[in-house]
Amino acid sequence: MHFAARSYIGESVENPQKYLRNNVEGGLALLNTAIEVGLRRLIFSSTCVLYGVPAKTPIMEDTPRQPVNPYGTSKLFFKNALSGVR
C-alpha cells in the first residue's frame, strides 16, 4: 500500500520541486523496487485534485484529469506511471 506523499496544495505551489522529488521520484523508486522483487499488486492512494475544478460532482472516474497545482500534477504523473505497468 502506497499512502506516502506530500499533500499540501499551497506548499506545492510555493515549492513544486519538493513535490515532484517526493511524490514522483519517490513513487517511481518504490514502483521500480516493487517490480524488481516481483510484487504483483500495489494499492495507491490517489486524490480528487487530479481532476482540477470539475464541471460537476460527484466526480466520476471518466472525468477529464486536469490538475491545477503541482501536488495534483505529481499525483497524476505517478498514477500514469502505474497505468503503464502490467
N, C-alpha and C. Protein backbone atom coordinates (compact mmCIF):
# COMPACT_ATOMS: atom_id res chain seq x y z
N MET A 1 0.84 -1.17 0.00
CA MET A 1 0.00 0.00 0.00
C MET A 1 0.89 1.24 0.00
N HIS A 2 0.56 2.16 -0.88
CA HIS A 2 1.35 3.39 -1.00
C HIS A 2 0.45 4.58 -0.64
N PHE A 3 0.65 5.09 0.57
CA PHE A 3 -0.10 6.25 1.04
C PHE A 3 0.81 7.45 1.28
N ALA A 4 2.10 7.29 0.98
CA ALA A 4 3.07 8.34 1.28
C ALA A 4 3.11 9.39 0.18
N ALA A 5 2.95 10.64 0.55
CA ALA A 5 3.08 11.75 -0.39
C ALA A 5 3.02 13.05 0.39
N ARG A 6 3.68 14.04 -0.13
CA ARG A 6 3.48 15.39 0.38
C ARG A 6 2.14 15.83 -0.20
N SER A 7 1.32 16.53 0.60
CA SER A 7 -0.04 16.78 0.13
C SER A 7 -0.62 18.16 0.44
N TYR A 8 0.23 19.14 0.68
CA TYR A 8 -0.28 20.48 0.95
C TYR A 8 -0.26 21.29 -0.34
N ILE A 9 -1.42 21.64 -0.82
CA ILE A 9 -1.53 22.31 -2.11
C ILE A 9 -0.77 23.63 -2.13
N GLY A 10 -0.96 24.46 -1.12
CA GLY A 10 -0.26 25.75 -1.07
C GLY A 10 1.25 25.58 -1.08
N GLU A 11 1.74 24.63 -0.30
CA GLU A 11 3.17 24.37 -0.26
C GLU A 11 3.66 23.87 -1.61
N SER A 12 2.84 23.10 -2.31
CA SER A 12 3.26 22.59 -3.62
C SER A 12 3.40 23.71 -4.64
N VAL A 13 2.60 24.75 -4.49
CA VAL A 13 2.70 25.91 -5.38
C VAL A 13 3.97 26.70 -5.06
N GLU A 14 4.29 26.83 -3.77
CA GLU A 14 5.48 27.56 -3.34
C GLU A 14 6.77 26.80 -3.64
N ASN A 15 6.72 25.48 -3.59
CA ASN A 15 7.93 24.68 -3.75
C ASN A 15 7.62 23.43 -4.58
N PRO A 16 7.33 23.60 -5.86
CA PRO A 16 6.92 22.46 -6.69
C PRO A 16 7.98 21.37 -6.80
N GLN A 17 9.25 21.75 -6.83
CA GLN A 17 10.29 20.73 -6.97
C GLN A 17 10.30 19.77 -5.79
N LYS A 18 9.94 20.24 -4.60
CA LYS A 18 9.85 19.39 -3.42
C LYS A 18 8.79 18.30 -3.64
N TYR A 19 7.69 18.68 -4.27
CA TYR A 19 6.60 17.74 -4.51
C TYR A 19 6.92 16.78 -5.64
N LEU A 20 7.56 17.27 -6.67
CA LEU A 20 7.95 16.40 -7.77
C LEU A 20 9.00 15.40 -7.29
N ARG A 21 9.95 15.87 -6.50
CA ARG A 21 11.00 14.99 -5.98
C ARG A 21 10.39 13.90 -5.10
N ASN A 22 9.56 14.29 -4.17
CA ASN A 22 8.99 13.32 -3.23
C ASN A 22 7.93 12.44 -3.88
N ASN A 23 6.94 13.04 -4.49
CA ASN A 23 5.78 12.29 -4.97
C ASN A 23 6.04 11.54 -6.27
N VAL A 24 6.89 12.10 -7.13
CA VAL A 24 7.18 11.44 -8.40
C VAL A 24 8.42 10.56 -8.26
N GLU A 25 9.55 11.16 -7.92
CA GLU A 25 10.79 10.38 -7.83
C GLU A 25 10.68 9.29 -6.76
N GLY A 26 10.14 9.64 -5.61
CA GLY A 26 9.98 8.65 -4.54
C GLY A 26 9.02 7.55 -4.94
N GLY A 27 7.94 7.92 -5.58
CA GLY A 27 6.97 6.93 -6.05
C GLY A 27 7.56 6.01 -7.09
N LEU A 28 8.34 6.57 -8.02
CA LEU A 28 8.97 5.74 -9.05
C LEU A 28 10.01 4.80 -8.45
N ALA A 29 10.72 5.26 -7.43
CA ALA A 29 11.68 4.38 -6.75
C ALA A 29 10.94 3.21 -6.11
N LEU A 30 9.82 3.49 -5.47
CA LEU A 30 9.00 2.44 -4.88
C LEU A 30 8.50 1.49 -5.96
N LEU A 31 7.97 2.03 -7.04
CA LEU A 31 7.44 1.21 -8.12
C LEU A 31 8.53 0.32 -8.73
N ASN A 32 9.69 0.89 -9.00
CA ASN A 32 10.78 0.10 -9.58
C ASN A 32 11.22 -1.02 -8.65
N THR A 33 11.28 -0.73 -7.36
CA THR A 33 11.65 -1.77 -6.40
C THR A 33 10.59 -2.85 -6.35
N ALA A 34 9.33 -2.46 -6.37
CA ALA A 34 8.23 -3.43 -6.37
C ALA A 34 8.33 -4.36 -7.58
N ILE A 35 8.62 -3.78 -8.74
CA ILE A 35 8.76 -4.58 -9.96
C ILE A 35 9.94 -5.53 -9.83
N GLU A 36 11.06 -5.02 -9.33
CA GLU A 36 12.28 -5.84 -9.19
C GLU A 36 12.08 -7.05 -8.28
N VAL A 37 11.29 -6.89 -7.23
CA VAL A 37 11.08 -8.01 -6.30
C VAL A 37 9.88 -8.87 -6.67
N GLY A 38 9.21 -8.52 -7.77
CA GLY A 38 8.11 -9.33 -8.26
C GLY A 38 6.77 -9.07 -7.61
N LEU A 39 6.61 -7.92 -6.98
CA LEU A 39 5.32 -7.58 -6.38
C LEU A 39 4.27 -7.50 -7.47
N ARG A 40 3.14 -8.14 -7.27
CA ARG A 40 2.10 -8.20 -8.31
C ARG A 40 0.98 -7.17 -8.10
N ARG A 41 0.82 -6.65 -6.90
CA ARG A 41 -0.28 -5.71 -6.64
C ARG A 41 0.22 -4.58 -5.75
N LEU A 42 -0.30 -3.38 -6.04
CA LEU A 42 0.04 -2.20 -5.25
C LEU A 42 -1.21 -1.37 -5.09
N ILE A 43 -1.53 -1.00 -3.88
CA ILE A 43 -2.66 -0.10 -3.63
C ILE A 43 -2.10 1.30 -3.53
N PHE A 44 -2.61 2.18 -4.39
CA PHE A 44 -2.13 3.57 -4.46
C PHE A 44 -3.25 4.50 -4.00
N SER A 45 -2.95 5.34 -3.04
CA SER A 45 -3.92 6.33 -2.56
C SER A 45 -3.84 7.55 -3.46
N SER A 46 -4.87 7.73 -4.26
CA SER A 46 -4.90 8.85 -5.18
C SER A 46 -5.58 10.05 -4.52
N THR A 47 -6.08 10.98 -5.32
CA THR A 47 -6.69 12.20 -4.80
C THR A 47 -7.62 12.80 -5.84
N CYS A 48 -8.64 13.50 -5.38
CA CYS A 48 -9.56 14.14 -6.31
C CYS A 48 -8.95 15.37 -6.99
N VAL A 49 -7.81 15.87 -6.50
CA VAL A 49 -7.21 17.04 -7.15
C VAL A 49 -6.67 16.71 -8.54
N LEU A 50 -6.66 15.43 -8.90
CA LEU A 50 -6.29 15.05 -10.27
C LEU A 50 -7.22 15.71 -11.28
N TYR A 51 -8.45 15.97 -10.85
CA TYR A 51 -9.49 16.46 -11.75
C TYR A 51 -9.59 17.98 -11.80
N GLY A 52 -8.74 18.67 -11.05
CA GLY A 52 -8.78 20.13 -11.08
C GLY A 52 -10.09 20.65 -10.54
N VAL A 53 -10.74 21.47 -11.32
CA VAL A 53 -12.05 22.02 -10.95
C VAL A 53 -13.09 21.34 -11.84
N PRO A 54 -13.69 20.25 -11.37
CA PRO A 54 -14.61 19.50 -12.22
C PRO A 54 -15.89 20.28 -12.50
N ALA A 55 -16.49 20.01 -13.64
CA ALA A 55 -17.73 20.69 -14.04
C ALA A 55 -18.90 20.26 -13.17
N LYS A 56 -18.85 19.04 -12.62
CA LYS A 56 -19.96 18.57 -11.78
C LYS A 56 -19.45 17.60 -10.73
N THR A 57 -20.24 17.43 -9.71
CA THR A 57 -19.96 16.43 -8.69
C THR A 57 -21.19 15.54 -8.56
N PRO A 58 -21.04 14.33 -8.15
CA PRO A 58 -19.78 13.71 -7.76
C PRO A 58 -18.84 13.55 -8.96
N ILE A 59 -17.58 13.46 -8.66
CA ILE A 59 -16.56 13.29 -9.70
C ILE A 59 -16.54 11.81 -10.08
N MET A 60 -16.69 11.55 -11.36
CA MET A 60 -16.66 10.18 -11.87
C MET A 60 -15.26 9.87 -12.41
N GLU A 61 -14.90 8.59 -12.46
CA GLU A 61 -13.57 8.18 -12.92
C GLU A 61 -13.27 8.65 -14.33
N ASP A 62 -14.28 8.83 -15.17
CA ASP A 62 -14.04 9.24 -16.55
C ASP A 62 -14.01 10.77 -16.72
N THR A 63 -14.08 11.51 -15.62
CA THR A 63 -13.94 12.97 -15.68
C THR A 63 -12.52 13.29 -16.15
N PRO A 64 -12.36 14.25 -17.06
CA PRO A 64 -11.00 14.59 -17.52
C PRO A 64 -10.10 14.99 -16.35
N ARG A 65 -8.88 14.51 -16.41
CA ARG A 65 -7.90 14.81 -15.36
C ARG A 65 -7.14 16.06 -15.77
N GLN A 66 -7.33 17.13 -15.00
CA GLN A 66 -6.71 18.42 -15.30
C GLN A 66 -6.27 19.10 -14.01
N PRO A 67 -5.21 18.57 -13.38
CA PRO A 67 -4.78 19.17 -12.11
C PRO A 67 -4.36 20.63 -12.30
N VAL A 68 -4.60 21.43 -11.27
CA VAL A 68 -4.30 22.86 -11.36
C VAL A 68 -3.20 23.30 -10.40
N ASN A 69 -2.50 22.32 -9.80
CA ASN A 69 -1.40 22.65 -8.90
C ASN A 69 -0.35 21.54 -8.96
N PRO A 70 0.86 21.83 -8.49
CA PRO A 70 1.93 20.82 -8.55
C PRO A 70 1.62 19.53 -7.78
N TYR A 71 0.90 19.63 -6.68
CA TYR A 71 0.52 18.43 -5.95
C TYR A 71 -0.30 17.50 -6.84
N GLY A 72 -1.33 18.03 -7.46
CA GLY A 72 -2.17 17.23 -8.35
C GLY A 72 -1.40 16.69 -9.53
N THR A 73 -0.51 17.51 -10.09
CA THR A 73 0.31 17.08 -11.22
C THR A 73 1.21 15.92 -10.81
N SER A 74 1.80 16.00 -9.62
CA SER A 74 2.69 14.93 -9.17
C SER A 74 1.93 13.63 -8.95
N LYS A 75 0.73 13.72 -8.41
CA LYS A 75 -0.07 12.51 -8.19
C LYS A 75 -0.53 11.92 -9.52
N LEU A 76 -0.88 12.77 -10.48
CA LEU A 76 -1.29 12.29 -11.80
C LEU A 76 -0.13 11.62 -12.52
N PHE A 77 1.06 12.19 -12.41
CA PHE A 77 2.22 11.59 -13.05
C PHE A 77 2.43 10.17 -12.55
N PHE A 78 2.37 9.98 -11.24
CA PHE A 78 2.58 8.65 -10.69
C PHE A 78 1.44 7.71 -11.06
N LYS A 79 0.23 8.21 -11.05
CA LYS A 79 -0.92 7.38 -11.46
C LYS A 79 -0.74 6.91 -12.90
N ASN A 80 -0.26 7.80 -13.76
CA ASN A 80 0.00 7.42 -15.15
C ASN A 80 1.12 6.39 -15.24
N ALA A 81 2.14 6.52 -14.40
CA ALA A 81 3.22 5.53 -14.38
C ALA A 81 2.67 4.16 -13.98
N LEU A 82 1.76 4.13 -13.04
CA LEU A 82 1.16 2.87 -12.63
C LEU A 82 0.34 2.25 -13.77
N SER A 83 -0.31 3.09 -14.55
CA SER A 83 -1.14 2.60 -15.65
C SER A 83 -0.33 1.85 -16.69
N GLY A 84 0.97 2.15 -16.79
CA GLY A 84 1.81 1.50 -17.77
C GLY A 84 2.42 0.19 -17.30
N VAL A 85 2.15 -0.20 -16.07
CA VAL A 85 2.75 -1.41 -15.51
C VAL A 85 1.77 -2.57 -15.66
N ARG A 86 2.28 -3.68 -16.13
CA ARG A 86 1.45 -4.88 -16.26
C ARG A 86 2.08 -6.03 -15.53
